[in-house]
Amino acid sequence: MPSLLANGTRPKVWPSLPLALLLPCGLLILMGATDDREPPPPFGALTPATVIAVEPARTTDGPYVLLRVDAVDGPTTCGIYERSFPDRRLPPLHQQLIIDYSPDRCLPKPVNTELPRAVIVAMGAVGLTASLLWLWAGPRLQRLTRLRRSRF
């Protein structure tokens, strides 16, 4: 198999790399513009609750809050550990919350932890712009480097 450096030639990278990035960057823009960023569905029903106690850490699970839940079958209590909250901070006493309640579990309301749409579109736009700029500037930069080599 002949060497890539045979006859003093090197493979040209400048057109192949940006061309390979055009499709993924375009797809990122399309995906960010059309994708809906909804939080995951709840396990149970979203119901109102009130914090009735903030308990310190007694076990390795950490501190937790006790909630009075206004469920369909009547008021009840449940607890949520600190690590279950998205920001890992316990709500203050007497705060009203919307929680994901089912008879066997009690969780905070689901939140969306995915990248925002604007960030996905921006990543695709920056990549697409850099690729097109590389394609546009490639031949011009090659002419400049040839002129510099011929002077020295």
C-alpha atoms as a PDB file:
ATOM      1  CA  MET A   1       0.000   0.000   0.000  1.00  0.00           C
ATOM      2  CA  PRO A   2       1.499   3.353  -0.966  1.00  0.00           C
ATOM      3  CA  SER A   3       2.265   5.875   1.693  1.00  0.00           C
ATOM      4  CA  LEU A   4       0.092   8.937   2.141  1.00  0.00           C
ATOM      5  CA  LEU A   5       3.236  11.009   1.852  1.00  0.00           C
ATOM      6  CA  ALA A   6       4.250   9.523  -1.505  1.00  0.00           C
ATOM      7  CA  ASN A   7       5.336  12.084  -4.086  1.00  0.00           C
ATOM      8  CA  GLY A   8       5.462  14.760  -1.401  1.00  0.00           C
ATOM      9  CA  THR A   9       1.679  15.061  -1.061  1.00  0.00           C
ATOM     10  CA  ARG A  10      -0.288  15.106   2.148  1.00  0.00           C
ATOM     11  CA  PRO A  11      -3.991  14.410   2.565  1.00  0.00           C
ATOM     12  CA  LYS A  12      -6.011  17.610   2.592  1.00  0.00           C
ATOM     13  CA  VAL A  13      -7.793  17.926   5.913  1.00  0.00           C
ATOM     14  CA  TRP A  14      -9.386  21.324   5.487  1.00  0.00           C
ATOM     15  CA  PRO A  15     -12.324  20.294   3.284  1.00  0.00           C
ATOM     16  CA  SER A  16     -13.050  16.914   4.874  1.00  0.00           C
ATOM     17  CA  LEU A  17     -13.420  17.868   8.541  1.00  0.00           C
ATOM     18  CA  PRO A  18     -15.831  20.797   8.121  1.00  0.00           C
ATOM     19  CA  LEU A  19     -17.857  18.838   5.583  1.00  0.00           C
ATOM     20  CA  ALA A  20     -18.151  16.004   8.110  1.00  0.00           C
ATOM     21  CA  LEU A  21     -19.382  18.492  10.744  1.00  0.00           C
ATOM     22  CA  LEU A  22     -22.021  20.182   8.566  1.00  0.00           C
ATOM     23  CA  LEU A  23     -24.627  17.421   8.894  1.00  0.00           C
ATOM     24  CA  PRO A  24     -24.341  16.872  12.686  1.00  0.00           C
ATOM     25  CA  CYS A  25     -24.415  20.619  13.370  1.00  0.00           C
ATOM     26  CA  GLY A  26     -27.423  21.069  11.106  1.00  0.00           C
ATOM     27  CA  LEU A  27     -29.153  18.191  12.888  1.00  0.00           C
ATOM     28  CA  LEU A  28     -28.421  19.790  16.274  1.00  0.00           C
ATOM     29  CA  ILE A  29     -30.101  23.002  15.119  1.00  0.00           C
ATOM     30  CA  LEU A  30     -33.105  21.073  13.810  1.00  0.00           C
ATOM     31  CA  MET A  31     -33.352  18.927  16.948  1.00  0.00           C
ATOM     32  CA  GLY A  32     -33.135  21.943  19.260  1.00  0.00           C
ATOM     33  CA  ALA A  33     -35.742  23.873  17.299  1.00  0.00           C
ATOM     34  CA  THR A  34     -38.296  21.053  17.130  1.00  0.00           C
ATOM     35  CA  ASP A  35     -37.762  19.064  20.335  1.00  0.00           C
ATOM     36  CA  ASP A  36     -40.097  19.583  23.251  1.00  0.00           C
ATOM     37  CA  ARG A  37     -38.397  19.737  26.611  1.00  0.00           C
ATOM     38  CA  GLU A  38     -41.065  18.347  28.911  1.00  0.00           C
ATOM     39  CA  PRO A  39     -40.327  16.950  32.375  1.00  0.00           C
ATOM     40  CA  PRO A  40     -40.795  13.216  32.870  1.00  0.00           C
ATOM     41  CA  PRO A  41     -44.323  12.080  33.749  1.00  0.00           C
ATOM     42  CA  PRO A  42     -45.112  11.669  37.452  1.00  0.00           C
ATOM     43  CA  PHE A  43     -45.354   8.202  39.037  1.00  0.00           C
ATOM     44  CA  GLY A  44     -48.579   9.068  40.824  1.00  0.00           C
ATOM     45  CA  ALA A  45     -50.762  12.165  40.953  1.00  0.00           C
ATOM     46  CA  LEU A  46     -49.541  15.735  41.396  1.00  0.00           C
ATOM     47  CA  THR A  47     -51.146  16.889  44.623  1.00  0.00           C
ATOM     48  CA  PRO A  48     -50.687  19.879  46.949  1.00  0.00           C
ATOM     49  CA  ALA A  49     -48.801  19.371  50.205  1.00  0.00           C
ATOM     50  CA  THR A  50     -47.639  21.454  53.162  1.00  0.00           C
ATOM     51  CA  VAL A  51     -44.365  21.082  55.057  1.00  0.00           C
ATOM     52  CA  ILE A  52     -45.248  20.285  58.680  1.00  0.00           C
ATOM     53  CA  ALA A  53     -41.786  19.367  60.026  1.00  0.00           C
ATOM     54  CA  VAL A  54     -38.139  19.521  59.046  1.00  0.00           C
ATOM     55  CA  GLU A  55     -36.278  16.618  60.628  1.00  0.00           C
ATOM     56  CA  PRO A  56     -32.482  16.488  61.103  1.00  0.00           C
ATOM     57  CA  ALA A  57     -30.356  13.618  59.855  1.00  0.00           C
ATOM     58  CA  ARG A  58     -30.851  10.586  62.080  1.00  0.00           C
ATOM     59  CA  THR A  59     -29.712   7.986  59.579  1.00  0.00           C
ATOM     60  CA  THR A  60     -27.295   7.863  56.674  1.00  0.00           C
ATOM     61  CA  ASP A  61     -30.136   8.955  54.362  1.00  0.00           C
ATOM     62  CA  GLY A  62     -29.830  12.525  55.624  1.00  0.00           C
ATOM     63  CA  PRO A  63     -32.391  15.107  56.728  1.00  0.00           C
ATOM     64  CA  TYR A  64     -35.969  15.019  55.472  1.00  0.00           C
ATOM     65  CA  VAL A  65     -39.247  16.904  55.576  1.00  0.00           C
ATOM     66  CA  LEU A  66     -42.625  15.641  56.705  1.00  0.00           C
ATOM     67  CA  LEU A  67     -45.500  16.719  54.493  1.00  0.00           C
ATOM     68  CA  ARG A  68     -49.255  16.816  54.974  1.00  0.00           C
ATOM     69  CA  VAL A  69     -50.682  15.708  51.645  1.00  0.00           C
ATOM     70  CA  ASP A  70     -54.224  16.551  50.555  1.00  0.00           C
ATOM     71  CA  ALA A  71     -54.792  13.260  48.715  1.00  0.00           C
ATOM     72  CA  VAL A  72     -57.991  12.148  47.031  1.00  0.00           C
ATOM     73  CA  ASP A  73     -58.729   9.589  49.751  1.00  0.00           C
ATOM     74  CA  GLY A  74     -58.141  12.091  52.551  1.00  0.00           C
ATOM     75  CA  PRO A  75     -55.227  13.938  54.169  1.00  0.00           C
ATOM     76  CA  THR A  76     -52.142  11.876  54.963  1.00  0.00           C
ATOM     77  CA  THR A  77     -48.466  12.415  55.782  1.00  0.00           C
ATOM     78  CA  CYS A  78     -45.336  11.402  53.960  1.00  0.00           C
ATOM     79  CA  GLY A  79     -41.636  12.222  54.059  1.00  0.00           C
ATOM     80  CA  ILE A  80     -39.130  13.257  51.408  1.00  0.00           C
ATOM     81  CA  TYR A  81     -35.379  13.091  51.944  1.00  0.00           C
ATOM     82  CA  GLU A  82     -33.143  16.027  51.118  1.00  0.00           C
ATOM     83  CA  ARG A  83     -31.363  14.165  48.303  1.00  0.00           C
ATOM     84  CA  SER A  84     -34.671  13.759  46.425  1.00  0.00           C
ATOM     85  CA  PHE A  85     -35.082  17.501  45.843  1.00  0.00           C
ATOM     86  CA  PRO A  86     -33.508  18.811  42.607  1.00  0.00           C
ATOM     87  CA  ASP A  87     -31.331  21.416  44.361  1.00  0.00           C
ATOM     88  CA  ARG A  88     -30.739  19.165  47.433  1.00  0.00           C
ATOM     89  CA  ARG A  89     -32.215  21.803  49.743  1.00  0.00           C
ATOM     90  CA  LEU A  90     -35.110  21.259  52.106  1.00  0.00           C
ATOM     91  CA  PRO A  91     -38.102  23.599  51.825  1.00  0.00           C
ATOM     92  CA  PRO A  92     -38.884  25.760  54.879  1.00  0.00           C
ATOM     93  CA  LEU A  93     -41.606  24.976  57.373  1.00  0.00           C
ATOM     94  CA  HIS A  94     -45.227  25.666  56.284  1.00  0.00           C
ATOM     95  CA  GLN A  95     -44.300  25.999  52.598  1.00  0.00           C
ATOM     96  CA  GLN A  96     -46.861  24.835  50.059  1.00  0.00           C
ATOM     97  CA  LEU A  97     -45.504  22.314  47.514  1.00  0.00           C
ATOM     98  CA  ILE A  98     -46.825  20.325  44.593  1.00  0.00           C
ATOM     99  CA  ILE A  99     -45.612  16.747  44.987  1.00  0.00           C
ATOM    100  CA  ASP A 100     -45.815  13.489  43.062  1.00  0.00           C
ATOM    101  CA  TYR A 101     -47.932  11.364  45.412  1.00  0.00           C
ATOM    102  CA  SER A 102     -48.865   7.714  45.196  1.00  0.00           C
ATOM    103  CA  PRO A 103     -49.896   5.499  48.137  1.00  0.00           C
ATOM    104  CA  ASP A 104     -46.472   3.793  48.201  1.00  0.00           C
ATOM    105  CA  ARG A 105     -44.182   6.780  47.530  1.00  0.00           C
ATOM    106  CA  CYS A 106     -43.902  10.521  47.868  1.00  0.00           C
ATOM    107  CA  LEU A 107     -41.544  12.519  45.601  1.00  0.00           C
ATOM    108  CA  PRO A 108     -41.018  16.153  44.634  1.00  0.00           C
ATOM    109  CA  LYS A 109     -42.693  17.337  41.449  1.00  0.00           C
ATOM    110  CA  PRO A 110     -40.677  16.153  38.405  1.00  0.00           C
ATOM    111  CA  VAL A 111     -38.486  18.835  36.871  1.00  0.00           C
ATOM    112  CA  ASN A 112     -36.770  18.995  33.519  1.00  0.00           C
ATOM    113  CA  THR A 113     -33.020  18.408  33.886  1.00  0.00           C
ATOM    114  CA  GLU A 114     -32.210  18.350  30.166  1.00  0.00           C
ATOM    115  CA  LEU A 115     -30.414  21.045  28.214  1.00  0.00           C
ATOM    116  CA  PRO A 116     -32.614  23.990  27.251  1.00  0.00           C
ATOM    117  CA  ARG A 117     -33.592  24.277  23.595  1.00  0.00           C
ATOM    118  CA  ALA A 118     -31.626  27.505  23.141  1.00  0.00           C
ATOM    119  CA  VAL A 119     -28.385  25.807  24.238  1.00  0.00           C
ATOM    120  CA  ILE A 120     -28.845  22.966  21.730  1.00  0.00           C
ATOM    121  CA  VAL A 121     -29.589  25.411  18.906  1.00  0.00           C
ATOM    122  CA  ALA A 122     -26.603  27.570  19.906  1.00  0.00           C
ATOM    123  CA  MET A 123     -24.240  24.557  19.914  1.00  0.00           C
ATOM    124  CA  GLY A 124     -25.376  23.592  16.419  1.00  0.00           C
ATOM    125  CA  ALA A 125     -25.174  27.172  15.146  1.00  0.00           C
ATOM    126  CA  VAL A 126     -21.641  27.687  16.472  1.00  0.00           C
ATOM    127  CA  GLY A 127     -20.471  24.403  14.948  1.00  0.00           C
ATOM    128  CA  LEU A 128     -22.152  25.157  11.625  1.00  0.00           C
ATOM    129  CA  THR A 129     -20.691  28.670  11.519  1.00  0.00           C
ATOM    130  CA  ALA A 130     -17.191  27.420  12.366  1.00  0.00           C
ATOM    131  CA  SER A 131     -17.434  24.705   9.698  1.00  0.00           C
ATOM    132  CA  LEU A 132     -18.628  27.124   7.010  1.00  0.00           C
ATOM    133  CA  LEU A 133     -15.964  29.659   8.003  1.00  0.00           C
ATOM    134  CA  TRP A 134     -13.321  26.933   7.766  1.00  0.00           C
ATOM    135  CA  LEU A 135     -14.547  25.955   4.305  1.00  0.00           C
ATOM    136  CA  TRP A 136     -14.630  29.579   3.182  1.00  0.00           C
ATOM    137  CA  ALA A 137     -11.201  30.479   4.586  1.00  0.00           C
ATOM    138  CA  GLY A 138      -9.427  27.235   3.653  1.00  0.00           C
ATOM    139  CA  PRO A 139      -8.400  28.044   0.056  1.00  0.00           C
ATOM    140  CA  ARG A 140      -7.522  31.629   0.977  1.00  0.00           C
ATOM    141  CA  LEU A 141      -5.240  30.475   3.795  1.00  0.00           C
ATOM    142  CA  GLN A 142      -3.551  27.926   1.520  1.00  0.00           C
ATOM    143  CA  ARG A 143      -2.741  30.700  -0.986  1.00  0.00           C
ATOM    144  CA  LEU A 144      -1.251  32.826   1.810  1.00  0.00           C
ATOM    145  CA  THR A 145       0.959  29.984   3.059  1.00  0.00           C
ATOM    146  CA  ARG A 146       2.165  29.272  -0.490  1.00  0.00           C
ATOM    147  CA  LEU A 147       3.119  32.936  -0.913  1.00  0.00           C
ATOM    148  CA  ARG A 148       5.047  32.920   2.375  1.00  0.00           C
ATOM    149  CA  ARG A 149       6.919  29.723   1.468  1.00  0.00           C
ATOM    150  CA  SER A 150       7.919  31.128  -1.919  1.00  0.00           C
ATOM    151  CA  ARG A 151       9.392  34.281  -0.334  1.00  0.00           C
ATOM    152  CA  PHE A 152      11.703  32.379   2.011  1.00  0.00           C
END
